[in-house]
Amino acid sequence: MNEDKPEMNEAVKKTLHSYRGKGRLLAALALGVGLLSIAVGVLVAVANLNLVVPMEGQLLRDHPELMRPGATNLIAAVESNPALRQEQDRQHLLVTFAHGKELLLTAAAVILIGLGTFLTLLLVIFNRRVTLRQINTSLAQISEQIKELQDRDGSGPAGR
């Protein structure tokens, strides 16, 4: 860097240090959201395997008529027995409620993945801007040094 202008060097270092901190914060945030979305995705899978699938299996075991296509025995049995109808409605309600929870968790995972992707894109754009600013600063310093060398050697525009 240019040793003749320490205040410019310090300003550049301070600015780059500020950008480095912001970049680290953005990277940590993107990583945190990404890990959170993975955790929610795993939670959805575990909830499906431990909650919803057994409930669906129980519903089919309790009412095997549901598995036979075109079976009308269940309709006749339900119409003649209100307690069976109530139990079937309760089981359907539980399964529907479990599916609703699972859908909510899936939506949360998708939102978190989208947010993580957005933060990662912001990080890439931010790092690109910081790199371009650093290159511009370095080029300005090199240009200044070349001008000083030309002026010292007398080969500058005034010495020609």
C-alpha atoms as a PDB file:
ATOM      1  CA  MET A   1       0.000   0.000   0.000  1.00  0.00           C
ATOM      2  CA  ASN A   2       0.993   3.590  -0.178  1.00  0.00           C
ATOM      3  CA  GLU A   3       3.228   4.432   2.780  1.00  0.00           C
ATOM      4  CA  ASP A   4       3.100   8.195   2.018  1.00  0.00           C
ATOM      5  CA  LYS A   5      -0.633   8.397   2.827  1.00  0.00           C
ATOM      6  CA  PRO A   6      -1.224   6.549   6.123  1.00  0.00           C
ATOM      7  CA  GLU A   7      -4.606   8.211   6.698  1.00  0.00           C
ATOM      8  CA  MET A   8      -5.884   6.794   3.389  1.00  0.00           C
ATOM      9  CA  ASN A   9      -4.536   3.341   4.276  1.00  0.00           C
ATOM     10  CA  GLU A  10      -6.185   3.468   7.698  1.00  0.00           C
ATOM     11  CA  ALA A  11      -9.499   4.544   6.188  1.00  0.00           C
ATOM     12  CA  VAL A  12      -9.346   1.675   3.703  1.00  0.00           C
ATOM     13  CA  LYS A  13      -8.447  -0.813   6.435  1.00  0.00           C
ATOM     14  CA  LYS A  14     -11.265   0.444   8.649  1.00  0.00           C
ATOM     15  CA  THR A  15     -13.797   0.181   5.819  1.00  0.00           C
ATOM     16  CA  LEU A  16     -12.632  -3.318   4.875  1.00  0.00           C
ATOM     17  CA  HIS A  17     -12.760  -4.398   8.522  1.00  0.00           C
ATOM     18  CA  SER A  18     -16.343  -3.111   8.724  1.00  0.00           C
ATOM     19  CA  TYR A  19     -17.267  -5.060   5.583  1.00  0.00           C
ATOM     20  CA  ARG A  20     -15.557  -8.178   6.923  1.00  0.00           C
ATOM     21  CA  GLY A  21     -17.705  -8.032  10.079  1.00  0.00           C
ATOM     22  CA  LYS A  22     -20.900  -7.543   8.068  1.00  0.00           C
ATOM     23  CA  GLY A  23     -19.937 -10.408   5.769  1.00  0.00           C
ATOM     24  CA  ARG A  24     -19.316 -12.726   8.701  1.00  0.00           C
ATOM     25  CA  LEU A  25     -22.649 -11.787  10.246  1.00  0.00           C
ATOM     26  CA  LEU A  26     -24.457 -12.402   6.968  1.00  0.00           C
ATOM     27  CA  ALA A  27     -22.664 -15.740   6.497  1.00  0.00           C
ATOM     28  CA  ALA A  28     -23.536 -16.818  10.050  1.00  0.00           C
ATOM     29  CA  LEU A  29     -27.147 -15.796   9.518  1.00  0.00           C
ATOM     30  CA  ALA A  30     -27.387 -17.701   6.224  1.00  0.00           C
ATOM     31  CA  LEU A  31     -25.790 -20.759   7.817  1.00  0.00           C
ATOM     32  CA  GLY A  32     -28.112 -20.575  10.833  1.00  0.00           C
ATOM     33  CA  VAL A  33     -31.242 -20.314   8.693  1.00  0.00           C
ATOM     34  CA  GLY A  34     -30.003 -23.159   6.485  1.00  0.00           C
ATOM     35  CA  LEU A  35     -29.398 -25.400   9.486  1.00  0.00           C
ATOM     36  CA  LEU A  36     -32.784 -24.447  10.928  1.00  0.00           C
ATOM     37  CA  SER A  37     -34.508 -25.388   7.670  1.00  0.00           C
ATOM     38  CA  ILE A  38     -32.716 -28.748   7.707  1.00  0.00           C
ATOM     39  CA  ALA A  39     -33.861 -29.299  11.297  1.00  0.00           C
ATOM     40  CA  VAL A  40     -37.470 -28.466  10.403  1.00  0.00           C
ATOM     41  CA  GLY A  41     -37.269 -30.837   7.423  1.00  0.00           C
ATOM     42  CA  VAL A  42     -36.027 -33.618   9.701  1.00  0.00           C
ATOM     43  CA  LEU A  43     -38.822 -32.789  12.147  1.00  0.00           C
ATOM     44  CA  VAL A  44     -41.369 -33.149   9.329  1.00  0.00           C
ATOM     45  CA  ALA A  45     -39.962 -36.551   8.391  1.00  0.00           C
ATOM     46  CA  VAL A  46     -39.931 -37.748  12.010  1.00  0.00           C
ATOM     47  CA  ALA A  47     -43.453 -36.442  12.613  1.00  0.00           C
ATOM     48  CA  ASN A  48     -44.657 -38.221   9.498  1.00  0.00           C
ATOM     49  CA  LEU A  49     -43.044 -41.521  10.481  1.00  0.00           C
ATOM     50  CA  ASN A  50     -44.034 -41.414  14.154  1.00  0.00           C
ATOM     51  CA  LEU A  51     -47.381 -39.656  14.103  1.00  0.00           C
ATOM     52  CA  VAL A  52     -49.217 -39.611  10.800  1.00  0.00           C
ATOM     53  CA  VAL A  53     -48.317 -42.995   9.294  1.00  0.00           C
ATOM     54  CA  PRO A  54     -49.336 -44.973  12.417  1.00  0.00           C
ATOM     55  CA  MET A  55     -52.617 -43.040  12.621  1.00  0.00           C
ATOM     56  CA  GLU A  56     -53.391 -43.826   8.994  1.00  0.00           C
ATOM     57  CA  GLY A  57     -52.491 -47.472   9.585  1.00  0.00           C
ATOM     58  CA  GLN A  58     -54.773 -47.623  12.620  1.00  0.00           C
ATOM     59  CA  LEU A  59     -57.595 -46.053  10.642  1.00  0.00           C
ATOM     60  CA  LEU A  60     -57.227 -48.692   7.928  1.00  0.00           C
ATOM     61  CA  ARG A  61     -56.980 -51.519  10.489  1.00  0.00           C
ATOM     62  CA  ASP A  62     -60.133 -50.344  12.251  1.00  0.00           C
ATOM     63  CA  HIS A  63     -62.006 -50.020   8.967  1.00  0.00           C
ATOM     64  CA  PRO A  64     -60.670 -52.593   6.475  1.00  0.00           C
ATOM     65  CA  GLU A  65     -63.626 -51.819   4.222  1.00  0.00           C
ATOM     66  CA  LEU A  66     -61.854 -48.587   3.314  1.00  0.00           C
ATOM     67  CA  MET A  67     -59.181 -50.575   1.497  1.00  0.00           C
ATOM     68  CA  ARG A  68     -61.611 -52.434  -0.781  1.00  0.00           C
ATOM     69  CA  PRO A  69     -62.615 -50.436  -3.844  1.00  0.00           C
ATOM     70  CA  GLY A  70     -66.343 -50.010  -4.298  1.00  0.00           C
ATOM     71  CA  ALA A  71     -67.200 -51.505  -0.905  1.00  0.00           C
ATOM     72  CA  THR A  72     -70.546 -50.306   0.438  1.00  0.00           C
ATOM     73  CA  ASN A  73     -70.515 -52.358   3.664  1.00  0.00           C
ATOM     74  CA  LEU A  74     -68.900 -49.502   5.579  1.00  0.00           C
ATOM     75  CA  ILE A  75     -71.574 -47.010   4.565  1.00  0.00           C
ATOM     76  CA  ALA A  76     -74.355 -49.351   5.678  1.00  0.00           C
ATOM     77  CA  ALA A  77     -72.524 -50.181   8.925  1.00  0.00           C
ATOM     78  CA  VAL A  78     -71.910 -46.526   9.722  1.00  0.00           C
ATOM     79  CA  GLU A  79     -75.509 -45.548   9.025  1.00  0.00           C
ATOM     80  CA  SER A  80     -76.825 -48.256  11.331  1.00  0.00           C
ATOM     81  CA  ASN A  81     -74.352 -47.553  14.174  1.00  0.00           C
ATOM     82  CA  PRO A  82     -73.963 -43.911  15.299  1.00  0.00           C
ATOM     83  CA  ALA A  83     -71.153 -44.823  17.732  1.00  0.00           C
ATOM     84  CA  LEU A  84     -69.125 -46.258  14.853  1.00  0.00           C
ATOM     85  CA  ARG A  85     -69.793 -43.086  12.886  1.00  0.00           C
ATOM     86  CA  GLN A  86     -68.592 -40.969  15.812  1.00  0.00           C
ATOM     87  CA  GLU A  87     -65.400 -43.016  16.215  1.00  0.00           C
ATOM     88  CA  GLN A  88     -64.695 -42.888  12.499  1.00  0.00           C
ATOM     89  CA  ASP A  89     -65.216 -39.120  12.469  1.00  0.00           C
ATOM     90  CA  ARG A  90     -62.873 -38.753  15.462  1.00  0.00           C
ATOM     91  CA  GLN A  91     -60.173 -40.817  13.760  1.00  0.00           C
ATOM     92  CA  HIS A  92     -60.523 -38.867  10.525  1.00  0.00           C
ATOM     93  CA  LEU A  93     -60.321 -35.627  12.477  1.00  0.00           C
ATOM     94  CA  LEU A  94     -57.116 -36.755  14.213  1.00  0.00           C
ATOM     95  CA  VAL A  95     -55.500 -37.796  10.943  1.00  0.00           C
ATOM     96  CA  THR A  96     -56.560 -34.542   9.277  1.00  0.00           C
ATOM     97  CA  PHE A  97     -55.187 -32.548  12.224  1.00  0.00           C
ATOM     98  CA  ALA A  98     -51.869 -34.438  12.014  1.00  0.00           C
ATOM     99  CA  HIS A  99     -51.686 -33.747   8.284  1.00  0.00           C
ATOM    100  CA  GLY A 100     -52.334 -30.060   8.987  1.00  0.00           C
ATOM    101  CA  LYS A 101     -49.445 -29.921  11.456  1.00  0.00           C
ATOM    102  CA  GLU A 102     -47.207 -31.678   8.967  1.00  0.00           C
ATOM    103  CA  LEU A 103     -48.224 -29.251   6.226  1.00  0.00           C
ATOM    104  CA  LEU A 104     -47.458 -26.304   8.508  1.00  0.00           C
ATOM    105  CA  LEU A 105     -43.992 -27.695   9.275  1.00  0.00           C
ATOM    106  CA  THR A 106     -43.374 -28.331   5.587  1.00  0.00           C
ATOM    107  CA  ALA A 107     -44.369 -24.763   4.754  1.00  0.00           C
ATOM    108  CA  ALA A 108     -42.039 -23.489   7.492  1.00  0.00           C
ATOM    109  CA  ALA A 109     -39.179 -25.578   6.080  1.00  0.00           C
ATOM    110  CA  VAL A 110     -39.797 -24.250   2.576  1.00  0.00           C
ATOM    111  CA  ILE A 111     -39.926 -20.663   3.845  1.00  0.00           C
ATOM    112  CA  LEU A 112     -36.690 -21.165   5.780  1.00  0.00           C
ATOM    113  CA  ILE A 113     -34.997 -22.691   2.740  1.00  0.00           C
ATOM    114  CA  GLY A 114     -36.101 -19.701   0.680  1.00  0.00           C
ATOM    115  CA  LEU A 115     -34.840 -17.290   3.330  1.00  0.00           C
ATOM    116  CA  GLY A 116     -31.532 -19.159   3.562  1.00  0.00           C
ATOM    117  CA  THR A 117     -31.160 -19.018  -0.213  1.00  0.00           C
ATOM    118  CA  PHE A 118     -31.934 -15.301  -0.207  1.00  0.00           C
ATOM    119  CA  LEU A 119     -29.376 -14.659   2.532  1.00  0.00           C
ATOM    120  CA  THR A 120     -26.775 -16.694   0.669  1.00  0.00           C
ATOM    121  CA  LEU A 121     -27.397 -14.651  -2.477  1.00  0.00           C
ATOM    122  CA  LEU A 122     -27.074 -11.454  -0.448  1.00  0.00           C
ATOM    123  CA  LEU A 123     -23.786 -12.751   0.937  1.00  0.00           C
ATOM    124  CA  VAL A 124     -22.463 -13.463  -2.558  1.00  0.00           C
ATOM    125  CA  ILE A 125     -23.505 -10.019  -3.794  1.00  0.00           C
ATOM    126  CA  PHE A 126     -22.072  -8.358  -0.682  1.00  0.00           C
ATOM    127  CA  ASN A 127     -18.732 -10.168  -1.033  1.00  0.00           C
ATOM    128  CA  ARG A 128     -18.575  -9.238  -4.711  1.00  0.00           C
ATOM    129  CA  ARG A 129     -19.136  -5.565  -3.903  1.00  0.00           C
ATOM    130  CA  VAL A 130     -16.504  -5.637  -1.164  1.00  0.00           C
ATOM    131  CA  THR A 131     -14.011  -7.307  -3.494  1.00  0.00           C
ATOM    132  CA  LEU A 132     -14.666  -4.764  -6.245  1.00  0.00           C
ATOM    133  CA  ARG A 133     -14.248  -1.884  -3.798  1.00  0.00           C
ATOM    134  CA  GLN A 134     -11.004  -3.368  -2.533  1.00  0.00           C
ATOM    135  CA  ILE A 135      -9.749  -3.768  -6.110  1.00  0.00           C
ATOM    136  CA  ASN A 136     -10.763  -0.191  -6.962  1.00  0.00           C
ATOM    137  CA  THR A 137      -8.947   1.112  -3.894  1.00  0.00           C
ATOM    138  CA  SER A 138      -5.833  -0.890  -4.740  1.00  0.00           C
ATOM    139  CA  LEU A 139      -5.943   0.317  -8.347  1.00  0.00           C
ATOM    140  CA  ALA A 140      -6.289   3.921  -7.177  1.00  0.00           C
ATOM    141  CA  GLN A 141      -3.271   3.478  -4.901  1.00  0.00           C
ATOM    142  CA  ILE A 142      -1.238   1.885  -7.702  1.00  0.00           C
ATOM    143  CA  SER A 143      -2.222   4.723 -10.036  1.00  0.00           C
ATOM    144  CA  GLU A 144      -1.140   7.265  -7.417  1.00  0.00           C
ATOM    145  CA  GLN A 145       2.174   5.463  -6.930  1.00  0.00           C
ATOM    146  CA  ILE A 146       2.794   5.398 -10.703  1.00  0.00           C
ATOM    147  CA  LYS A 147       2.096   9.137 -10.897  1.00  0.00           C
ATOM    148  CA  GLU A 148       4.525   9.781  -8.038  1.00  0.00           C
ATOM    149  CA  LEU A 149       7.200   7.649  -9.730  1.00  0.00           C
ATOM    150  CA  GLN A 150       6.686   9.453 -13.032  1.00  0.00           C
ATOM    151  CA  ASP A 151       6.911  12.833 -11.302  1.00  0.00           C
ATOM    152  CA  ARG A 152      10.118  11.792  -9.464  1.00  0.00           C
ATOM    153  CA  ASP A 153      11.750  10.481 -12.630  1.00  0.00           C
ATOM    154  CA  GLY A 154      10.743  13.520 -14.612  1.00  0.00           C
ATOM    155  CA  SER A 155       9.111  11.339 -17.209  1.00  0.00           C
ATOM    156  CA  GLY A 156       5.621  12.495 -16.386  1.00  0.00           C
ATOM    157  CA  PRO A 157       3.492  14.668 -18.629  1.00  0.00           C
ATOM    158  CA  ALA A 158       5.257  17.828 -17.379  1.00  0.00           C
ATOM    159  CA  GLY A 159       8.743  16.413 -18.114  1.00  0.00           C
ATOM    160  CA  ARG A 160       8.058  15.455 -21.733  1.00  0.00           C
END
